[in-house]
C-alpha atoms as a PDB file:
ATOM      1  CA  MET A   1       0.037  -0.007   0.035  1.00  0.00           C
ATOM      2  CA  ILE A   2       2.803   2.437   0.930  1.00  0.00           C
ATOM      3  CA  LYS A   3       4.519   1.462  -2.379  1.00  0.00           C
ATOM      4  CA  ARG A   4       1.325   2.308  -4.414  1.00  0.00           C
ATOM      5  CA  ILE A   5       0.940   5.677  -2.644  1.00  0.00           C
ATOM      6  CA  LEU A   6       4.551   6.558  -3.480  1.00  0.00           C
ATOM      7  CA  ALA A   7       4.155   5.537  -7.085  1.00  0.00           C
ATOM      8  CA  ILE A   8       0.994   7.815  -7.561  1.00  0.00           C
ATOM      9  CA  ALA A   9       2.901  10.747  -5.862  1.00  0.00           C
ATOM     10  CA  PHE A  10       5.873  10.294  -8.228  1.00  0.00           C
ATOM     11  CA  LEU A  11       3.547  10.289 -11.278  1.00  0.00           C
ATOM     12  CA  LEU A  12       1.767  13.502 -10.241  1.00  0.00           C
ATOM     13  CA  CYS A  13       5.097  15.249  -9.917  1.00  0.00           C
ATOM     14  CA  THR A  14       6.334  14.174 -13.320  1.00  0.00           C
ATOM     15  CA  VAL A  15       3.217  15.070 -15.477  1.00  0.00           C
ATOM     16  CA  PRO A  16       3.494  18.885 -15.246  1.00  0.00           C
ATOM     17  CA  GLY A  17       7.120  18.644 -16.367  1.00  0.00           C
ATOM     18  CA  TRP A  18       6.182  16.498 -19.269  1.00  0.00           C
ATOM     19  CA  ALA A  19       3.389  19.006 -20.360  1.00  0.00           C
ATOM     20  CA  PHE A  20       5.808  21.961 -20.153  1.00  0.00           C
ATOM     21  CA  ALA A  21       8.354  20.142 -22.199  1.00  0.00           C
ATOM     22  CA  GLN A  22       5.815  20.030 -25.145  1.00  0.00           C
ATOM     23  CA  GLU A  23       5.811  23.969 -25.340  1.00  0.00           C
ATOM     24  CA  PRO A  24       8.135  25.376 -28.036  1.00  0.00           C
ATOM     25  CA  ALA A  25      11.503  26.039 -26.553  1.00  0.00           C
ATOM     26  CA  PRO A  26      12.392  29.741 -26.398  1.00  0.00           C
ATOM     27  CA  ALA A  27      15.146  30.851 -28.759  1.00  0.00           C
ATOM     28  CA  SER A  28      18.438  30.472 -27.128  1.00  0.00           C
ATOM     29  CA  LYS A  29      19.948  33.412 -29.164  1.00  0.00           C
ATOM     30  CA  ALA A  30      19.709  36.610 -27.238  1.00  0.00           C
ATOM     31  CA  GLN A  31      17.958  39.545 -29.013  1.00  0.00           C
ATOM     32  CA  PRO A  32      20.062  42.454 -30.162  1.00  0.00           C
ATOM     33  CA  ALA A  33      19.808  45.536 -27.919  1.00  0.00           C
ATOM     34  CA  GLY A  34      16.900  47.658 -28.807  1.00  0.00           C
ATOM     35  CA  ALA A  35      15.102  44.886 -30.698  1.00  0.00           C
ATOM     36  CA  PRO A  36      11.377  44.647 -29.904  1.00  0.00           C
ATOM     37  CA  SER A  37      10.071  41.799 -27.806  1.00  0.00           C
ATOM     38  CA  SER A  38       7.818  39.266 -29.363  1.00  0.00           C
ATOM     39  CA  THR A  39       4.856  41.175 -27.908  1.00  0.00           C
ATOM     40  CA  ALA A  40       6.173  44.477 -29.391  1.00  0.00           C
ATOM     41  CA  GLN A  41       6.747  42.762 -32.675  1.00  0.00           C
ATOM     42  CA  ALA A  42       3.173  41.571 -32.828  1.00  0.00           C
ATOM     43  CA  THR A  43       1.916  45.057 -31.881  1.00  0.00           C
ATOM     44  CA  SER A  44       4.096  46.609 -34.525  1.00  0.00           C
ATOM     45  CA  PHE A  45       2.712  44.165 -37.137  1.00  0.00           C
ATOM     46  CA  THR A  46      -0.814  44.940 -36.103  1.00  0.00           C
ATOM     47  CA  LYS A  47      -0.206  48.729 -36.543  1.00  0.00           C
ATOM     48  CA  SER A  48       1.303  48.284 -39.943  1.00  0.00           C
ATOM     49  CA  THR A  49      -1.781  46.486 -41.200  1.00  0.00           C
ATOM     50  CA  GLN A  50      -4.251  49.126 -40.012  1.00  0.00           C
ATOM     51  CA  PRO A  51      -5.464  51.630 -42.681  1.00  0.00           C
ATOM     52  CA  THR A  52      -3.146  54.675 -42.733  1.00  0.00           C
ATOM     53  CA  VAL A  53      -4.991  57.991 -42.820  1.00  0.00           C
ATOM     54  CA  THR A  54      -2.802  60.722 -44.378  1.00  0.00           C
ATOM     55  CA  THR A  55      -3.594  64.427 -45.040  1.00  0.00           C
ATOM     56  CA  SER A  56      -2.161  66.385 -47.998  1.00  0.00           C
ATOM     57  CA  THR A  57      -2.172  70.048 -48.923  1.00  0.00           C
ATOM     58  CA  ILE A  58      -3.300  70.920 -52.409  1.00  0.00           C
ATOM     59  CA  ARG A  59      -1.485  74.131 -53.511  1.00  0.00           C
ATOM     60  CA  VAL A  60      -3.187  76.019 -56.244  1.00  0.00           C
ATOM     61  CA  PRO A  61      -0.944  78.772 -57.729  1.00  0.00           C
ATOM     62  CA  VAL A  62      -2.538  82.178 -57.524  1.00  0.00           C
ATOM     63  CA  TYR A  63      -1.944  84.543 -60.448  1.00  0.00           C
ATOM     64  CA  TYR A  64      -1.902  88.228 -59.707  1.00  0.00           C
ATOM     65  CA  VAL A  65      -2.705  90.699 -62.455  1.00  0.00           C
ATOM     66  CA  ASP A  66      -0.619  93.854 -62.170  1.00  0.00           C
ATOM     67  CA  VAL A  67      -2.186  97.109 -63.541  1.00  0.00           C
ATOM     68  CA  PRO A  68       0.085 100.151 -63.430  1.00  0.00           C
ATOM     69  CA  LEU A  69      -1.916 103.232 -64.053  1.00  0.00           C
ATOM     70  CA  THR A  70      -1.704 107.083 -64.204  1.00  0.00           C
ATOM     71  CA  VAL A  71      -4.523 109.482 -63.397  1.00  0.00           C
ATOM     72  CA  THR A  72      -5.007 113.038 -64.782  1.00  0.00           C
ATOM     73  CA  ASP A  73      -7.573 115.722 -64.222  1.00  0.00           C
ATOM     74  CA  LYS A  74      -9.462 117.709 -66.892  1.00  0.00           C
ATOM     75  CA  LYS A  75      -6.393 119.939 -67.508  1.00  0.00           C
ATOM     76  CA  GLY A  76      -4.148 116.899 -67.995  1.00  0.00           C
ATOM     77  CA  ARG A  77      -2.375 117.459 -64.645  1.00  0.00           C
ATOM     78  CA  LEU A  78      -1.217 114.384 -62.761  1.00  0.00           C
ATOM     79  CA  VAL A  79      -3.342 113.333 -59.734  1.00  0.00           C
ATOM     80  CA  ILE A  80      -1.310 111.865 -56.913  1.00  0.00           C
ATOM     81  CA  MET A  81      -3.805 111.379 -54.127  1.00  0.00           C
ATOM     82  CA  MET A  82      -6.025 108.287 -54.691  1.00  0.00           C
ATOM     83  CA  THR A  83      -7.191 105.197 -52.936  1.00  0.00           C
ATOM     84  CA  LYS A  84      -8.421 101.854 -54.229  1.00  0.00           C
ATOM     85  CA  ASP A  85     -12.038 102.941 -53.327  1.00  0.00           C
ATOM     86  CA  ASP A  86     -11.682 105.638 -55.990  1.00  0.00           C
ATOM     87  CA  PHE A  87     -11.687 103.021 -58.781  1.00  0.00           C
ATOM     88  CA  ASN A  88     -13.939 100.286 -60.167  1.00  0.00           C
ATOM     89  CA  LEU A  89     -12.110  97.474 -61.877  1.00  0.00           C
ATOM     90  CA  TYR A  90     -13.531  95.136 -64.508  1.00  0.00           C
ATOM     91  CA  GLU A  91     -12.199  92.215 -66.521  1.00  0.00           C
ATOM     92  CA  ASP A  92     -14.141  91.351 -69.644  1.00  0.00           C
ATOM     93  CA  GLY A  93     -17.033  93.428 -68.211  1.00  0.00           C
ATOM     94  CA  LYS A  94     -17.064  91.549 -64.853  1.00  0.00           C
ATOM     95  CA  PRO A  95     -16.350  93.334 -61.563  1.00  0.00           C
ATOM     96  CA  GLN A  96     -12.995  92.390 -59.879  1.00  0.00           C
ATOM     97  CA  THR A  97     -11.826  92.932 -56.339  1.00  0.00           C
ATOM     98  CA  ILE A  98      -8.670  94.989 -55.940  1.00  0.00           C
ATOM     99  CA  THR A  99      -6.357  93.096 -53.575  1.00  0.00           C
ATOM    100  CA  TYR A 100      -3.377  95.534 -53.600  1.00  0.00           C
ATOM    101  CA  PHE A 101      -3.214  99.234 -54.179  1.00  0.00           C
ATOM    102  CA  SER A 102      -0.376 101.586 -53.787  1.00  0.00           C
ATOM    103  CA  ARG A 103       1.216 104.764 -55.145  1.00  0.00           C
ATOM    104  CA  GLU A 104       4.508 103.685 -56.732  1.00  0.00           C
ATOM    105  CA  THR A 105       7.259 106.279 -57.120  1.00  0.00           C
ATOM    106  CA  ASP A 106      10.286 104.148 -56.577  1.00  0.00           C
ATOM    107  CA  LEU A 107       9.910 100.940 -58.570  1.00  0.00           C
ATOM    108  CA  ALA A 108      12.929  99.513 -60.298  1.00  0.00           C
ATOM    109  CA  MET A 109      12.718  99.921 -64.070  1.00  0.00           C
ATOM    110  CA  ARG A 110      13.893  98.072 -67.126  1.00  0.00           C
ATOM    111  CA  ILE A 111      13.861 100.542 -70.089  1.00  0.00           C
ATOM    112  CA  GLY A 112      14.183  99.699 -73.778  1.00  0.00           C
ATOM    113  CA  LEU A 113      15.062 102.711 -75.922  1.00  0.00           C
ATOM    114  CA  LEU A 114      14.030 101.952 -79.559  1.00  0.00           C
ATOM    115  CA  ILE A 115      15.239 104.358 -82.086  1.00  0.00           C
ATOM    116  CA  ASP A 116      14.247 104.431 -85.706  1.00  0.00           C
ATOM    117  CA  THR A 117      17.326 104.877 -87.854  1.00  0.00           C
ATOM    118  CA  SER A 118      15.639 104.649 -91.249  1.00  0.00           C
ATOM    119  CA  ASN A 119      15.858 107.478 -93.744  1.00  0.00           C
ATOM    120  CA  SER A 120      12.521 108.881 -92.774  1.00  0.00           C
ATOM    121  CA  ILE A 121      13.807 110.421 -89.572  1.00  0.00           C
ATOM    122  CA  ARG A 122      17.155 111.798 -90.897  1.00  0.00           C
ATOM    123  CA  ASP A 123      16.197 115.533 -90.756  1.00  0.00           C
ATOM    124  CA  ARG A 124      16.198 115.847 -86.969  1.00  0.00           C
ATOM    125  CA  PHE A 125      18.105 112.772 -85.921  1.00  0.00           C
ATOM    126  CA  ARG A 126      20.811 114.506 -84.045  1.00  0.00           C
ATOM    127  CA  PHE A 127      18.388 116.378 -81.852  1.00  0.00           C
ATOM    128  CA  GLU A 128      16.476 113.220 -81.019  1.00  0.00           C
ATOM    129  CA  GLN A 129      19.735 111.478 -80.075  1.00  0.00           C
ATOM    130  CA  GLN A 130      20.539 114.248 -77.544  1.00  0.00           C
ATOM    131  CA  ALA A 131      16.986 114.397 -76.142  1.00  0.00           C
ATOM    132  CA  ALA A 132      17.169 110.628 -75.522  1.00  0.00           C
ATOM    133  CA  ILE A 133      20.521 110.924 -73.827  1.00  0.00           C
ATOM    134  CA  ASP A 134      19.278 113.647 -71.586  1.00  0.00           C
ATOM    135  CA  PHE A 135      16.118 111.456 -70.747  1.00  0.00           C
ATOM    136  CA  LEU A 136      18.270 108.471 -69.682  1.00  0.00           C
ATOM    137  CA  THR A 137      20.624 110.667 -67.712  1.00  0.00           C
ATOM    138  CA  ASP A 138      17.712 112.071 -65.692  1.00  0.00           C
ATOM    139  CA  THR A 139      15.876 108.746 -65.447  1.00  0.00           C
ATOM    140  CA  VAL A 140      18.264 105.738 -64.900  1.00  0.00           C
ATOM    141  CA  ARG A 141      19.346 105.336 -61.324  1.00  0.00           C
ATOM    142  CA  ARG A 142      22.603 103.596 -60.770  1.00  0.00           C
ATOM    143  CA  GLY A 143      22.246 100.267 -59.049  1.00  0.00           C
ATOM    144  CA  LYS A 144      18.445 100.282 -59.406  1.00  0.00           C
ATOM    145  CA  ASP A 145      17.377 100.779 -63.111  1.00  0.00           C
ATOM    146  CA  GLN A 146      18.754  99.340 -66.256  1.00  0.00           C
ATOM    147  CA  ALA A 147      18.306 100.311 -69.894  1.00  0.00           C
ATOM    148  CA  PHE A 148      19.261  99.050 -73.330  1.00  0.00           C
ATOM    149  CA  VAL A 149      19.427 100.684 -76.773  1.00  0.00           C
ATOM    150  CA  LEU A 150      17.988  99.076 -79.828  1.00  0.00           C
ATOM    151  CA  SER A 151      18.171 100.699 -83.345  1.00  0.00           C
ATOM    152  CA  PHE A 152      16.099  99.542 -86.256  1.00  0.00           C
ATOM    153  CA  ASP A 153      16.002 100.124 -90.043  1.00  0.00           C
ATOM    154  CA  VAL A 154      16.524  97.048 -92.223  1.00  0.00           C
ATOM    155  CA  ALA A 155      16.697  94.898 -89.088  1.00  0.00           C
ATOM    156  CA  PRO A 156      16.629  95.500 -85.321  1.00  0.00           C
ATOM    157  CA  LEU A 157      20.022  95.686 -83.657  1.00  0.00           C
ATOM    158  CA  ILE A 158      20.951  95.789 -79.918  1.00  0.00           C
ATOM    159  CA  THR A 159      23.722  98.483 -79.790  1.00  0.00           C
ATOM    160  CA  GLN A 160      23.928  98.525 -76.033  1.00  0.00           C
ATOM    161  CA  ASP A 161      22.693  95.741 -73.756  1.00  0.00           C
ATOM    162  CA  TYR A 162      21.251  96.261 -70.283  1.00  0.00           C
ATOM    163  CA  THR A 163      23.344  98.470 -68.142  1.00  0.00           C
ATOM    164  CA  ASP A 164      22.899 101.194 -65.520  1.00  0.00           C
ATOM    165  CA  ASN A 165      25.900 103.082 -66.918  1.00  0.00           C
ATOM    166  CA  VAL A 166      24.422 106.154 -68.655  1.00  0.00           C
ATOM    167  CA  GLU A 167      27.723 106.913 -70.425  1.00  0.00           C
ATOM    168  CA  LYS A 168      27.683 103.571 -72.230  1.00  0.00           C
ATOM    169  CA  LEU A 169      24.067 104.166 -73.233  1.00  0.00           C
ATOM    170  CA  ALA A 170      24.907 107.632 -74.487  1.00  0.00           C
ATOM    171  CA  ASN A 171      27.815 106.352 -76.531  1.00  0.00           C
ATOM    172  CA  ALA A 172      25.609 103.750 -78.133  1.00  0.00           C
ATOM    173  CA  ILE A 173      23.156 106.412 -79.106  1.00  0.00           C
ATOM    174  CA  ARG A 174      25.706 108.822 -80.561  1.00  0.00           C
ATOM    175  CA  ALA A 175      27.107 106.117 -82.664  1.00  0.00           C
ATOM    176  CA  LEU A 176      23.820 105.488 -84.533  1.00  0.00           C
ATOM    177  CA  GLN A 177      23.578 106.592 -88.137  1.00  0.00           C
ATOM    178  CA  PRO A 178      20.381 106.905 -90.084  1.00  0.00           C
ATOM    179  CA  GLY A 179      19.647 105.058 -93.357  1.00  0.00           C
ATOM    180  CA  GLY A 180      17.565 102.259 -94.805  1.00  0.00           C
ATOM    181  CA  VAL A 181      14.007 100.943 -94.664  1.00  0.00           C
ATOM    182  CA  THR A 182      11.996 100.414 -91.463  1.00  0.00           C
ATOM    183  CA  SER A 183      11.258  97.240 -89.502  1.00  0.00           C
ATOM    184  CA  LEU A 184       9.328  98.820 -86.703  1.00  0.00           C
ATOM    185  CA  TYR A 185       7.230  95.727 -85.759  1.00  0.00           C
ATOM    186  CA  ASP A 186      10.075  93.408 -85.703  1.00  0.00           C
ATOM    187  CA  ALA A 187      11.949  95.777 -83.488  1.00  0.00           C
ATOM    188  CA  ILE A 188       9.049  95.903 -80.967  1.00  0.00           C
ATOM    189  CA  PHE A 189       8.521  92.178 -81.110  1.00  0.00           C
ATOM    190  CA  LEU A 190      12.259  91.383 -80.552  1.00  0.00           C
ATOM    191  CA  ALA A 191      12.722  93.867 -77.764  1.00  0.00           C
ATOM    192  CA  CYS A 192       9.690  92.533 -75.850  1.00  0.00           C
ATOM    193  CA  ARG A 193      10.320  88.875 -76.361  1.00  0.00           C
ATOM    194  CA  ASP A 194      14.015  88.751 -75.832  1.00  0.00           C
ATOM    195  CA  LYS A 195      14.716  91.817 -73.452  1.00  0.00           C
ATOM    196  CA  LEU A 196      11.568  92.662 -71.565  1.00  0.00           C
ATOM    197  CA  TYR A 197       9.828  89.373 -71.050  1.00  0.00           C
ATOM    198  CA  PHE A 198      10.966  88.340 -67.627  1.00  0.00           C
ATOM    199  CA  PHE A 199       9.763  85.065 -65.888  1.00  0.00           C
ATOM    200  CA  PRO A 200      10.061  85.134 -63.018  1.00  0.00           C
ATOM    201  CA  PRO A 201      10.793  88.829 -62.669  1.00  0.00           C
ATOM    202  CA  PRO A 202      13.992  89.817 -60.977  1.00  0.00           C
ATOM    203  CA  GLU A 203      11.950  91.810 -58.468  1.00  0.00           C
ATOM    204  CA  PRO A 204       8.349  91.295 -57.323  1.00  0.00           C
ATOM    205  CA  TYR A 205       7.315  94.553 -58.899  1.00  0.00           C
ATOM    206  CA  LEU A 206       9.253  95.757 -61.937  1.00  0.00           C
ATOM    207  CA  ARG A 207       8.339  98.567 -64.373  1.00  0.00           C
ATOM    208  CA  LYS A 208       8.971  97.469 -67.931  1.00  0.00           C
ATOM    209  CA  LEU A 209       9.031 100.387 -70.406  1.00  0.00           C
ATOM    210  CA  MET A 210       9.689 101.012 -74.096  1.00  0.00           C
ATOM    211  CA  ILE A 211      10.512 104.440 -75.335  1.00  0.00           C
ATOM    212  CA  LEU A 212       9.862 104.306 -79.055  1.00  0.00           C
ATOM    213  CA  ILE A 213      11.191 107.032 -81.346  1.00  0.00           C
ATOM    214  CA  SER A 214       9.730 106.638 -84.850  1.00  0.00           C
ATOM    215  CA  ASP A 215       7.341 107.905 -87.481  1.00  0.00           C
ATOM    216  CA  GLY A 216       5.302 104.761 -87.003  1.00  0.00           C
ATOM    217  CA  GLU A 217       5.705 103.599 -90.615  1.00  0.00           C
ATOM    218  CA  ASP A 218       6.795  99.969 -91.381  1.00  0.00           C
ATOM    219  CA  ASN A 219       7.775  98.568 -94.728  1.00  0.00           C
ATOM    220  CA  HIS A 220      10.095  95.645 -93.978  1.00  0.00           C
ATOM    221  CA  SER A 221       8.882  93.616 -90.968  1.00  0.00           C
ATOM    222  CA  GLU A 222       8.218  89.950 -90.840  1.00  0.00           C
ATOM    223  CA  HIS A 223       5.927  90.363 -87.899  1.00  0.00           C
ATOM    224  CA  THR A 224       2.672  92.266 -88.106  1.00  0.00           C
ATOM    225  CA  ARG A 225       1.501  95.190 -85.965  1.00  0.00           C
ATOM    226  CA  GLU A 226      -0.895  92.835 -83.991  1.00  0.00           C
ATOM    227  CA  GLU A 227       1.906  90.445 -83.255  1.00  0.00           C
ATOM    228  CA  ALA A 228       4.114  93.104 -82.100  1.00  0.00           C
ATOM    229  CA  LEU A 229       1.310  94.589 -79.815  1.00  0.00           C
ATOM    230  CA  ALA A 230       0.442  91.066 -78.489  1.00  0.00           C
ATOM    231  CA  MET A 231       4.050  90.494 -77.514  1.00  0.00           C
ATOM    232  CA  ALA A 232       4.233  93.781 -75.715  1.00  0.00           C
ATOM    233  CA  GLN A 233       1.038  92.850 -73.785  1.00  0.00           C
ATOM    234  CA  ARG A 234       2.352  89.402 -72.946  1.00  0.00           C
ATOM    235  CA  ALA A 235       5.559  90.945 -71.589  1.00  0.00           C
ATOM    236  CA  GLY A 236       3.630  93.622 -69.558  1.00  0.00           C
ATOM    237  CA  VAL A 237       5.413  96.458 -71.312  1.00  0.00           C
ATOM    238  CA  THR A 238       4.179 100.099 -71.323  1.00  0.00           C
ATOM    239  CA  ILE A 239       5.031 101.857 -74.505  1.00  0.00           C
ATOM    240  CA  PHE A 240       5.756 105.622 -74.749  1.00  0.00           C
ATOM    241  CA  ALA A 241       5.947 106.694 -78.389  1.00  0.00           C
ATOM    242  CA  ILE A 242       7.445 109.846 -79.726  1.00  0.00           C
ATOM    243  CA  SER A 243       6.519 110.651 -83.352  1.00  0.00           C
ATOM    244  CA  THR A 244       9.048 111.969 -85.786  1.00  0.00           C
ATOM    245  CA  ASN A 245       6.449 113.080 -88.168  1.00  0.00           C
ATOM    246  CA  ARG A 246       6.895 116.784 -89.058  1.00  0.00           C
ATOM    247  CA  SER A 247       4.060 117.237 -91.545  1.00  0.00           C
ATOM    248  CA  GLY A 248       1.630 118.742 -89.029  1.00  0.00           C
ATOM    249  CA  ALA A 249      -1.038 116.390 -90.254  1.00  0.00           C
ATOM    250  CA  GLU A 250      -1.901 113.035 -88.744  1.00  0.00           C
ATOM    251  CA  GLU A 251      -0.349 110.381 -90.801  1.00  0.00           C
ATOM    252  CA  ARG A 252      -0.931 106.594 -90.820  1.00  0.00           C
ATOM    253  CA  GLY A 253       2.117 106.085 -88.724  1.00  0.00           C
ATOM    254  CA  ASP A 254       0.766 108.401 -85.965  1.00  0.00           C
ATOM    255  CA  LYS A 255      -2.298 106.273 -85.598  1.00  0.00           C
ATOM    256  CA  VAL A 256      -0.096 103.255 -85.148  1.00  0.00           C
ATOM    257  CA  LEU A 257       1.935 104.935 -82.425  1.00  0.00           C
ATOM    258  CA  LYS A 258      -1.256 106.011 -80.666  1.00  0.00           C
ATOM    259  CA  ARG A 259      -2.630 102.515 -80.658  1.00  0.00           C
ATOM    260  CA  LEU A 260       0.599 100.929 -79.379  1.00  0.00           C
ATOM    261  CA  ALA A 261       0.671 103.503 -76.552  1.00  0.00           C
ATOM    262  CA  GLN A 262      -3.044 103.292 -75.640  1.00  0.00           C
ATOM    263  CA  GLU A 263      -3.252  99.523 -75.566  1.00  0.00           C
ATOM    264  CA  THR A 264      -0.336  99.210 -73.178  1.00  0.00           C
ATOM    265  CA  GLY A 265      -1.052 102.142 -70.883  1.00  0.00           C
ATOM    266  CA  GLY A 266       1.502 104.601 -72.275  1.00  0.00           C
ATOM    267  CA  ARG A 267       1.294 107.844 -74.113  1.00  0.00           C
ATOM    268  CA  ALA A 268       2.072 108.993 -77.667  1.00  0.00           C
ATOM    269  CA  PHE A 269       3.666 112.384 -78.276  1.00  0.00           C
ATOM    270  CA  PHE A 270       3.680 114.378 -81.499  1.00  0.00           C
ATOM    271  CA  PRO A 271       6.220 117.222 -81.189  1.00  0.00           C
ATOM    272  CA  PHE A 272       5.964 119.608 -84.149  1.00  0.00           C
ATOM    273  CA  GLU A 273       9.237 121.306 -83.438  1.00  0.00           C
ATOM    274  CA  ALA A 274      12.444 119.434 -82.618  1.00  0.00           C
ATOM    275  CA  SER A 275      12.759 121.550 -79.493  1.00  0.00           C
ATOM    276  CA  ASP A 276       9.470 120.086 -78.202  1.00  0.00           C
ATOM    277  CA  LEU A 277      11.187 116.603 -77.909  1.00  0.00           C
ATOM    278  CA  ALA A 278      12.910 117.568 -74.663  1.00  0.00           C
ATOM    279  CA  GLU A 279       9.683 118.521 -72.979  1.00  0.00           C
ATOM    280  CA  ASP A 280       7.995 115.340 -74.143  1.00  0.00           C
ATOM    281  CA  PHE A 281      10.808 113.334 -72.504  1.00  0.00           C
ATOM    282  CA  ARG A 282      10.375 115.315 -69.268  1.00  0.00           C
ATOM    283  CA  MET A 283       6.679 114.479 -69.260  1.00  0.00           C
ATOM    284  CA  ILE A 284       7.482 110.797 -69.729  1.00  0.00           C
ATOM    285  CA  GLY A 285       9.867 111.046 -66.749  1.00  0.00           C
ATOM    286  CA  ARG A 286       7.133 112.662 -64.535  1.00  0.00           C
ATOM    287  CA  ASP A 287       4.710 109.856 -65.582  1.00  0.00           C
ATOM    288  CA  LEU A 288       7.145 107.202 -64.519  1.00  0.00           C
ATOM    289  CA  ARG A 289       7.481 108.742 -61.037  1.00  0.00           C
ATOM    290  CA  THR A 290       3.757 109.452 -60.533  1.00  0.00           C
ATOM    291  CA  GLN A 291       1.955 106.165 -60.848  1.00  0.00           C
ATOM    292  CA  PHE A 292      -0.369 103.774 -59.075  1.00  0.00           C
ATOM    293  CA  LEU A 293      -0.269 100.057 -58.948  1.00  0.00           C
ATOM    294  CA  ILE A 294      -3.313  97.745 -58.778  1.00  0.00           C
ATOM    295  CA  ASP A 295      -3.173  94.040 -58.212  1.00  0.00           C
ATOM    296  CA  TYR A 296      -6.104  91.622 -58.437  1.00  0.00           C
ATOM    297  CA  VAL A 297      -6.855  87.905 -58.752  1.00  0.00           C
ATOM    298  CA  SER A 298      -9.102  87.296 -61.751  1.00  0.00           C
ATOM    299  CA  THR A 299     -12.487  85.603 -61.069  1.00  0.00           C
ATOM    300  CA  ASN A 300     -11.723  83.757 -64.290  1.00  0.00           C
ATOM    301  CA  THR A 301      -9.540  80.901 -62.976  1.00  0.00           C
ATOM    302  CA  ALA A 302      -9.043  79.286 -66.498  1.00  0.00           C
ATOM    303  CA  ARG A 303      -5.380  79.054 -67.455  1.00  0.00           C
ATOM    304  CA  ASP A 304      -6.096  79.159 -71.095  1.00  0.00           C
ATOM    305  CA  GLY A 305      -3.788  81.756 -72.452  1.00  0.00           C
ATOM    306  CA  THR A 306      -6.620  83.871 -73.772  1.00  0.00           C
ATOM    307  CA  TYR A 307      -6.609  87.714 -73.986  1.00  0.00           C
ATOM    308  CA  ARG A 308      -8.727  89.349 -71.377  1.00  0.00           C
ATOM    309  CA  GLY A 309      -9.802  93.026 -71.466  1.00  0.00           C
ATOM    310  CA  ILE A 310      -9.234  95.348 -68.478  1.00  0.00           C
ATOM    311  CA  SER A 311     -11.230  98.453 -67.683  1.00  0.00           C
ATOM    312  CA  VAL A 312     -10.282 100.795 -64.731  1.00  0.00           C
ATOM    313  CA  VAL A 313     -13.000 103.316 -64.168  1.00  0.00           C
ATOM    314  CA  PRO A 314     -12.511 106.257 -61.760  1.00  0.00           C
ATOM    315  CA  VAL A 315     -15.406 107.008 -59.469  1.00  0.00           C
ATOM    316  CA  ASP A 316     -14.893 110.682 -60.244  1.00  0.00           C
ATOM    317  CA  LYS A 317     -15.923 110.939 -63.865  1.00  0.00           C
ATOM    318  CA  SER A 318     -13.996 114.154 -64.280  1.00  0.00           C
ATOM    319  CA  LEU A 319     -10.733 112.177 -64.001  1.00  0.00           C
ATOM    320  CA  THR A 320      -8.980 110.137 -66.696  1.00  0.00           C
ATOM    321  CA  VAL A 321      -7.247 106.852 -66.023  1.00  0.00           C
ATOM    322  CA  ARG A 322      -4.418 105.758 -68.366  1.00  0.00           C
ATOM    323  CA  ALA A 323      -3.740 101.960 -67.984  1.00  0.00           C
ATOM    324  CA  LYS A 324      -3.257  98.812 -70.104  1.00  0.00           C
ATOM    325  CA  THR A 325      -6.416  97.622 -71.730  1.00  0.00           C
ATOM    326  CA  GLY A 326      -5.889  93.875 -71.276  1.00  0.00           C
ATOM    327  CA  TYR A 327      -3.441  91.027 -70.709  1.00  0.00           C
ATOM    328  CA  PHE A 328      -2.971  87.435 -71.681  1.00  0.00           C
ATOM    329  CA  ALA A 329      -3.902  84.832 -69.099  1.00  0.00           C
ATOM    330  CA  PRO A 330      -1.285  82.129 -68.061  1.00  0.00           C
ATOM    331  CA  SER A 331      -1.439  78.898 -69.868  1.00  0.00           C
ATOM    332  CA  GLN A 332      -1.107  75.429 -68.544  1.00  0.00           C
END
């Protein structure tokens, strides 16, 4: 009996050991430092199989339309005290909201001086050269503004590239000699496309100007008037034109110069006497220093490259606004 009791006791002690021995033996290799435990590994695996929710920001580029403008009263005097509430702005006839408005008297400028050197302007060419030199001397600020000189007769020619050195510009103007036919539209197209079309601009706000001295006649260009005007509008260039017509009557070329200036927000001048040129250049200089700048985001968000008309209407109907009449929308 005692032997049977001892045998049962011995069997009860050995069964748990036998059951434990059937469990998988733990790995004898130690885990590297920092490695997750088996529980941590399971948790990690569980997390990786859960749906991951991510957020992303969609960035839509905003295109601001810049509209430099000048305001004059009934007597043609420049008006310098205005606010954005003094204007109504329209694009293709639809009201727009002015997002930025300021009076700009110190914007950096890029100036293209285009001089007609064809036979048609020979009579007063020397005086025009000196008037242009005086204008650049008074206008170009060293370290801030830059200008280039382009002559045109048979073909456009850059005689002085961008510089803020007025003496270099003056030397290039003095070296010009009249003669040949006229490639006016090619000159405007080339100057705007190759020298005044900046993307992105070197500064957030940059005045791009063309001073055009010509009789407005063209008899040799490959580009048309409309192509030249469209390129000026794409580049955001304001054209100031000075006619060399001395007939006293409005010629076909004068109408061309008027349209180029009006469509880009500039002015056309028709000095009858050579001595009037200096005053015309001074008036251009005053215009450049007395301007306002409007920015807006078009309600037409299509990036289709189409032309869109702009109208800036003063609340005070006795005032006159001079601004570009449209722009080309960005394309995809």
